Structure formats: C-alpha cells, structure tokens
Protein backbone atom coordinates (compact mmCIF):
# COMPACT_ATOMS: atom_id res chain seq x y z
CA UNK A 1 0.00 0.05 0.00
CA UNK A 2 1.34 3.49 -0.95
CA UNK A 3 0.56 4.88 2.54
CA UNK A 4 3.64 2.77 3.99
CA UNK A 5 5.95 5.18 1.95
CA UNK A 6 4.31 8.25 3.81
CA UNK A 7 6.65 9.30 6.71
CA UNK A 8 5.95 12.79 7.98
CA UNK A 9 2.13 13.61 8.31
CA UNK A 10 0.94 16.97 9.18
CA UNK A 11 -2.56 17.63 10.39
CA UNK A 12 -3.83 21.18 10.33
CA UNK A 13 -6.64 21.78 12.76
CA UNK A 14 -6.50 19.74 15.68
CA UNK A 15 -9.98 19.39 17.08
CA UNK A 16 -12.21 16.36 17.37
CA UNK A 17 -11.66 15.02 13.97
CA UNK A 18 -8.01 16.11 13.53
CA UNK A 19 -7.15 14.78 16.95
CA UNK A 20 -8.93 11.39 15.85
CA UNK A 21 -6.89 11.15 12.88
CA UNK A 22 -3.72 11.99 14.73
CA UNK A 23 -4.33 9.19 17.30
CA UNK A 24 -4.86 6.59 14.61
CA UNK A 25 -1.87 7.59 12.52
CA UNK A 26 0.36 7.86 15.45
CA UNK A 27 -0.85 4.37 16.64
CA UNK A 28 0.02 3.12 13.12
CA UNK A 29 3.64 4.36 13.45
CA UNK A 30 3.66 7.62 11.27
CA UNK A 31 5.48 10.59 12.54
CA UNK A 32 2.66 13.14 13.25
CA UNK A 33 2.87 16.99 13.54
CA UNK A 34 -0.09 19.28 13.94
CA UNK A 35 -0.83 23.04 13.59
CA UNK A 36 -3.57 24.60 15.38
CA UNK A 37 -4.09 28.24 16.71
CA UNK A 38 -5.02 26.75 20.02
CA UNK A 39 -1.84 26.36 22.27
CA UNK A 40 -3.54 24.59 24.79
CA UNK A 41 -4.76 21.92 22.23
CA UNK A 42 -1.14 21.41 21.21
CA UNK A 43 0.15 21.28 24.55
CA UNK A 44 -2.31 18.65 25.62
CA UNK A 45 -1.76 16.56 22.46
CA UNK A 46 1.95 16.46 22.82
CA UNK A 47 1.66 15.65 26.57
CA UNK A 48 -0.87 12.71 25.91
CA UNK A 49 1.22 11.16 22.90
CA UNK A 50 -1.32 12.19 20.28
CA UNK A 51 1.15 13.98 18.33
CA UNK A 52 5.00 14.05 18.08
CA UNK A 53 5.16 17.82 17.72
CA UNK A 54 2.79 20.64 17.42
CA UNK A 55 2.65 24.45 16.83
CA UNK A 56 0.10 27.31 17.51
CA UNK A 57 1.38 29.00 14.35
CA UNK A 58 2.42 28.01 10.79
CA UNK A 59 6.12 26.37 11.24
CA UNK A 60 7.58 26.54 7.87
CA UNK A 61 10.09 23.73 8.37
CA UNK A 62 7.25 21.38 9.43
CA UNK A 63 5.07 22.22 6.46
CA UNK A 64 8.13 21.81 4.23
CA UNK A 65 8.94 18.42 5.56
CA UNK A 66 5.43 16.99 5.37
CA UNK A 67 4.82 14.03 2.87
CA UNK A 68 1.16 14.33 3.29
CA UNK A 69 -1.12 16.88 4.89
CA UNK A 70 -4.66 16.48 6.37
CA UNK A 71 -6.83 19.56 6.96
CA UNK A 72 -9.46 19.60 9.58
CA UNK A 73 -10.35 23.26 9.23
CA UNK A 74 -13.71 25.17 8.66
CA UNK A 75 -14.22 25.49 4.93
CA UNK A 76 -13.47 29.38 4.46
CA UNK A 77 -10.35 29.03 7.02
CA UNK A 78 -9.05 26.18 4.80
CA UNK A 79 -9.12 28.06 1.57
CA UNK A 80 -7.30 30.88 3.29
CA UNK A 81 -4.72 28.69 4.61
CA UNK A 82 -3.97 27.16 1.11
CA UNK A 83 -3.80 30.49 -0.55
CA UNK A 84 -1.22 31.79 2.20
CA UNK A 85 0.96 28.67 2.64
CA UNK A 86 1.19 26.49 -0.52
CA UNK A 87 4.56 28.11 -1.29
CA UNK A 88 5.87 25.90 1.48
CA UNK A 89 4.60 22.51 0.04
CA UNK A 90 7.21 20.11 -1.11
CA UNK A 91 6.86 18.81 -4.83
CA UNK A 92 4.66 15.74 -4.96
CA UNK A 93 2.81 16.61 -1.95
CA UNK A 94 -0.66 14.94 -1.46
CA UNK A 95 -3.39 16.68 0.64
CA UNK A 96 -6.79 15.63 1.91
CA UNK A 97 -9.45 16.86 4.15
CA UNK A 98 -12.62 16.14 6.40
CA UNK A 99 -14.42 19.13 5.31
CA UNK A 100 -18.35 18.72 5.26
CA UNK A 101 -19.14 20.52 2.04
CA UNK A 102 -17.29 20.05 -1.25
CA UNK A 103 -18.52 21.87 -4.39
CA UNK A 104 -17.78 25.20 -2.91
CA UNK A 105 -14.41 24.16 -1.54
CA UNK A 106 -12.68 21.35 -3.73
CA UNK A 107 -12.91 23.43 -7.12
CA UNK A 108 -11.35 26.51 -5.56
CA UNK A 109 -8.61 24.56 -3.72
CA UNK A 110 -7.61 22.73 -6.90
CA UNK A 111 -7.88 25.90 -8.97
CA UNK A 112 -5.37 27.66 -6.84
CA UNK A 113 -2.94 24.87 -6.22
CA UNK A 114 0.52 24.47 -8.26
CA UNK A 115 0.69 21.77 -10.63
CA UNK A 116 3.19 19.73 -8.77
CA UNK A 117 0.96 19.07 -5.67
CA UNK A 118 -2.47 17.34 -5.45
CA UNK A 119 -5.54 17.73 -3.39
CA UNK A 120 -7.93 14.89 -3.22
CA UNK A 121 -11.07 15.57 -1.04
CA UNK A 122 -12.58 13.12 1.52
CA UNK A 123 -15.39 13.07 4.16
CA UNK A 124 -15.20 10.73 7.11
CA UNK A 125 -18.78 10.05 7.97
CA UNK A 126 -17.98 9.85 11.77
CA UNK A 127 -18.27 12.20 14.56
CA UNK A 128 -19.39 12.67 18.17
CA UNK A 129 -21.70 15.57 19.76
CA UNK A 130 -18.55 16.82 21.56
CA UNK A 131 -15.76 19.05 20.43
CA UNK A 132 -11.90 19.37 20.81
CA UNK A 133 -8.80 17.17 20.61
CA UNK A 134 -9.57 16.05 24.34
CA UNK A 135 -12.46 14.19 23.03
CA UNK A 136 -10.94 12.82 20.09
CA UNK A 137 -11.17 8.86 19.63
CA UNK A 138 -10.16 7.00 16.65
CA UNK A 139 -12.56 4.26 17.52
CA UNK A 140 -15.28 6.43 15.80
CA UNK A 141 -13.98 5.29 12.35
CA UNK A 142 -14.81 1.84 12.81
CA UNK A 143 -18.01 0.57 11.18
CA UNK A 144 -18.16 4.19 9.79
CA UNK A 145 -18.67 5.18 6.27
CA UNK A 146 -15.71 7.08 4.17
CA UNK A 147 -16.32 9.18 1.07
CA UNK A 148 -13.66 10.08 -1.40
CA UNK A 149 -14.66 13.06 -3.49
CA UNK A 150 -12.63 13.24 -6.73
CA UNK A 151 -12.73 15.58 -9.76
CA UNK A 152 -11.47 15.49 -13.18
CA UNK A 153 -8.15 16.99 -11.85
CA UNK A 154 -7.34 14.01 -9.73
CA UNK A 155 -5.16 11.26 -10.79
CA UNK A 156 -6.14 7.66 -10.11
CA UNK A 157 -2.93 7.43 -8.02
CA UNK A 158 -4.31 10.13 -5.64
CA UNK A 159 -7.72 8.53 -5.46
CA UNK A 160 -6.34 5.20 -4.60
CA UNK A 161 -4.15 7.04 -1.96
CA UNK A 162 -6.86 8.66 -0.51
CA UNK A 163 -8.84 5.37 -0.39
CA UNK A 164 -5.94 3.86 1.17
CA UNK A 165 -5.97 6.46 3.95
CA UNK A 166 -9.59 5.34 4.70
CA UNK A 167 -8.54 1.67 4.76
CA UNK A 168 -5.68 2.13 7.28
CA UNK A 169 -7.97 4.24 9.60
CA UNK A 170 -10.44 1.46 9.72
CA UNK A 171 -13.48 2.70 8.03
CA UNK A 172 -16.04 -0.06 7.09
CA UNK A 173 -17.01 1.14 3.80
CA UNK A 174 -15.39 3.49 1.44
CA UNK A 175 -17.24 5.06 -1.62
CA UNK A 176 -16.72 7.66 -4.26
CA UNK A 177 -18.76 10.62 -5.07
CA UNK A 178 -18.58 13.74 -7.13
CA UNK A 179 -18.52 16.87 -5.33
CA UNK A 180 -22.00 17.74 -6.61
CA UNK A 181 -23.58 14.25 -5.51
CA UNK A 182 -21.76 14.44 -2.18
CA UNK A 183 -23.42 17.87 -1.46
CA UNK A 184 -26.94 16.67 -2.47
CA UNK A 185 -26.44 13.28 -0.28
CA UNK A 186 -25.01 15.14 2.83
CA UNK A 187 -27.70 17.67 2.59
CA UNK A 188 -30.13 14.87 3.35
CA UNK A 189 -28.22 12.40 5.64
CA UNK A 190 -26.46 15.05 7.74
CA UNK A 191 -27.37 18.48 7.45
CA UNK A 192 -31.34 17.96 7.29
CA UNK A 193 -31.06 15.69 10.46
CA UNK A 194 -29.14 18.37 12.30
CA UNK A 195 -31.93 20.95 11.32
CA UNK A 196 -34.66 18.40 12.60
CA UNK A 197 -32.83 17.92 15.68
CA UNK A 198 -32.38 21.59 16.36
CA UNK A 199 -36.02 22.38 15.38
CA UNK A 200 -37.17 19.69 18.03
CA UNK A 201 -35.33 21.49 20.78
CA UNK A 202 -36.35 24.88 19.85
CA UNK A 203 -40.02 24.37 19.09
CA UNK A 204 -41.01 23.95 22.82
CA UNK A 205 -39.76 26.23 25.68
CA UNK A 206 -40.89 23.65 28.35
CA UNK A 207 -37.76 23.38 30.53
CA UNK A 208 -39.11 20.36 32.39
CA UNK A 209 -39.19 18.13 29.34
CA UNK A 210 -35.97 16.30 30.71
CA UNK A 211 -38.06 15.14 33.51
CA UNK A 212 -40.50 13.28 31.14
CA UNK A 213 -38.57 12.35 28.24
CA UNK A 214 -37.70 8.79 26.97
CA UNK A 215 -35.04 7.36 25.07
CA UNK A 216 -36.72 8.13 21.69
CA UNK A 217 -36.43 11.79 22.12
CA UNK A 218 -33.05 11.55 23.51
CA UNK A 219 -31.83 9.55 20.42
CA UNK A 220 -33.54 11.98 18.02
CA UNK A 221 -32.01 15.00 19.41
CA UNK A 222 -28.40 13.85 20.23
CA UNK A 223 -27.04 15.92 17.58
CA UNK A 224 -28.94 18.96 18.67
CA UNK A 225 -25.79 19.85 20.92
CA UNK A 226 -24.33 21.63 17.99
CA UNK A 227 -21.42 23.86 16.97
CA UNK A 228 -23.31 26.91 15.69
CA UNK A 229 -20.31 28.53 14.06
CA UNK A 230 -19.30 25.52 12.16
CA UNK A 231 -22.79 24.05 11.14
CA UNK A 232 -24.31 27.44 10.18
CA UNK A 233 -21.28 27.90 7.92
CA UNK A 234 -21.75 24.50 6.40
CA UNK A 235 -25.56 25.25 5.94
CA UNK A 236 -24.82 28.33 4.16
CA UNK A 237 -22.16 26.97 1.82
CA UNK A 238 -24.34 24.24 0.91
CA UNK A 239 -27.69 26.29 0.76
CA UNK A 240 -29.50 25.15 -2.32
CA UNK A 241 -29.13 21.40 -1.72
CA UNK A 242 -30.15 21.80 1.91
CA UNK A 243 -33.24 23.89 0.98
CA UNK A 244 -34.16 21.22 -1.40
CA UNK A 245 -34.05 18.51 1.10
CA UNK A 246 -35.86 20.63 3.54
CA UNK A 247 -38.74 21.20 1.07
CA UNK A 248 -38.93 17.43 0.36
CA UNK A 249 -39.12 16.76 4.24
CA UNK A 250 -41.72 19.37 4.69
CA UNK A 251 -43.87 18.07 1.87
CA UNK A 252 -43.61 14.55 3.51
CA UNK A 253 -44.34 15.79 6.94
CA UNK A 254 -47.40 17.79 5.60
CA UNK A 255 -48.71 14.64 3.75
CA UNK A 256 -48.56 12.77 7.10
CA UNK A 257 -50.45 15.50 8.95
CA UNK A 258 -53.05 15.29 6.32
CA UNK A 259 -53.56 11.59 6.81
CA UNK A 260 -53.86 12.02 10.46
CA UNK A 261 -56.36 14.97 10.05
CA UNK A 262 -58.50 12.84 7.73
CA UNK A 263 -58.34 9.74 9.95
CA UNK A 264 -56.50 7.73 7.19
CA UNK A 265 -55.25 5.16 9.34
CA UNK A 266 -54.22 2.85 6.57
CA UNK A 267 -52.33 5.44 4.98
CA UNK A 268 -50.30 6.17 8.09
CA UNK A 269 -49.79 2.40 8.58
CA UNK A 270 -48.31 2.04 4.93
CA UNK A 271 -45.86 4.97 5.59
CA UNK A 272 -44.87 3.27 8.80
CA UNK A 273 -44.44 -0.16 7.04
CA UNK A 274 -42.27 1.60 4.24
CA UNK A 275 -40.16 3.21 6.98
CA UNK A 276 -39.62 0.04 8.62
CA UNK A 277 -38.43 -1.59 5.49
CA UNK A 278 -36.18 0.94 4.52
CA UNK A 279 -34.61 1.53 8.10
CA UNK A 280 -33.96 -2.33 8.08
CA UNK A 281 -31.39 -1.61 5.33
CA UNK A 282 -29.27 0.20 7.85
CA UNK A 283 -29.16 -2.93 10.14
CA UNK A 284 -27.61 -5.29 8.03
CA UNK A 285 -24.03 -6.57 8.70
C-alpha cells in the first residue's frame, strides 16, 4: 500500500476530527505533527502522545517536511490557509481533508494549487456531539463510512492513495462521489437531520421536558448539541441542496399530517411499513 511510504504527516486543525486522525496515524507508526491556533490543544496533544510535535502557528520547516497533509479546518479558513501557505509545499505533496461540504471548496482549492501538488477531497462520516482534541477517539472510524470526492483534476493514483487512508484508519465502507453528488447526499443524511434535531429542541420552551422524556427523544436530539459556528457555515455553503431537502421533508411531513387529520389509518400504516422496510437496510451487517 502506498501509505507505507508516507513518513511525515501534518494535520492542520487539531479538533475532534483532526485529533482522531492523529491518534490513529500515530498508533500506526507515522510521525505526526499538527498545527492549530489553540496552544492549549497543542500542549495537551503533545503531553498525551497524540502527536509528536505541534505548533500554534505555521511552522515553515514542518510544512516543508510534510509528505502528506490532512486539513481539518472550517471551509473558509481552509481556503485561506492554502492560499497563504502553499508556497511551502514540497513537490509531489498530496493533501486531503475532512470538510463537510465539497462543491464550494474543492474546485477553489484545486484551482489555486500549484501543478506539482495534488488535493483529493474526502469526508469521514464519523463524529461525536462533543468537540476538541480532548474528546478525540479514533474508534469512531470503526463501522463508519468514508467518502472520497474526486474531480477530473485528480489522478487515479491520488484517488487510490485517499482510499488507502480510509482503509488504514479502519473505516468499514469506502465510496466515491462527485462534489455535487456528495453535497446533495450530505444535505439529506447529515445537514437535514441536524436541522430537524435543532428544530425539535427549539419548538418547545418547556424546561421540564428532561423530567418526562424517554430514549426516543434523546436519540432524535443527540446531535442538537451543535457547534453553531461550524454548522451555520456548512449550511450556508450548501444552501441550495439543503433547501431542496428541507422542502422534500416538509412535503412529507405535511402529507402525514393530512392523513392524520383525515383519519387515514391505513395510509399512516403504509408509511410506517415503508419506513420500517427502509430502516432495516441500515441494520444489515
């Protein structure tokens, strides 16, 4: 596997996801460095053996030595970081990311990059409702999905390299989608679900719900503990696909409401049977 030849790995952005990547790669024997503006996160990661060395600023020597870079930054910060620092990249460098939106990021990154380096996008479909490197855990990759997001500018070698990263990190299933297909899909399976969870938590101001609720409500609203800065940026950068998915969901909700209003028990039962049938697909081993 080509990843065996990678020696020095740089992770830019040492939060939950960047820290989880660092844990996995360090455990696999790579030399892992990190850059993050939070000096406390860097210090903690060094003291706990998650990284070999870290910096709260761009360390030019570390960037120049990197054989591969993994970006775990907010989309706009990611674009700016590439713009300001790509002159430090060694020829032949390969980069990937964990960014939750692609069309508005991938083409801009590839458009500004030098010809002797390559960026191949990816999206690890794993996470937790907590934040920061102190909550990082590479076990979140087990049984999770990993999406490689190539464009016409990517070589087959880089695509295979990115797939190889997913494999060594331990992801269960690796798929490939175009940036456009990725954003439409993620608008439904991730962003819409967060909108629903937030809406459930904000549609009632009863502060005593916690005293009465059961597991179903807790399960549905687990992701309502949300990073408002990151998710609002992701929503805005994927606005049209997300609006489309929200309209589809609202139409389905209104249809169910009308069946209830009209006393259409069989119609509701048919929806429930279809729901059960489709949900069973997620339970297959």
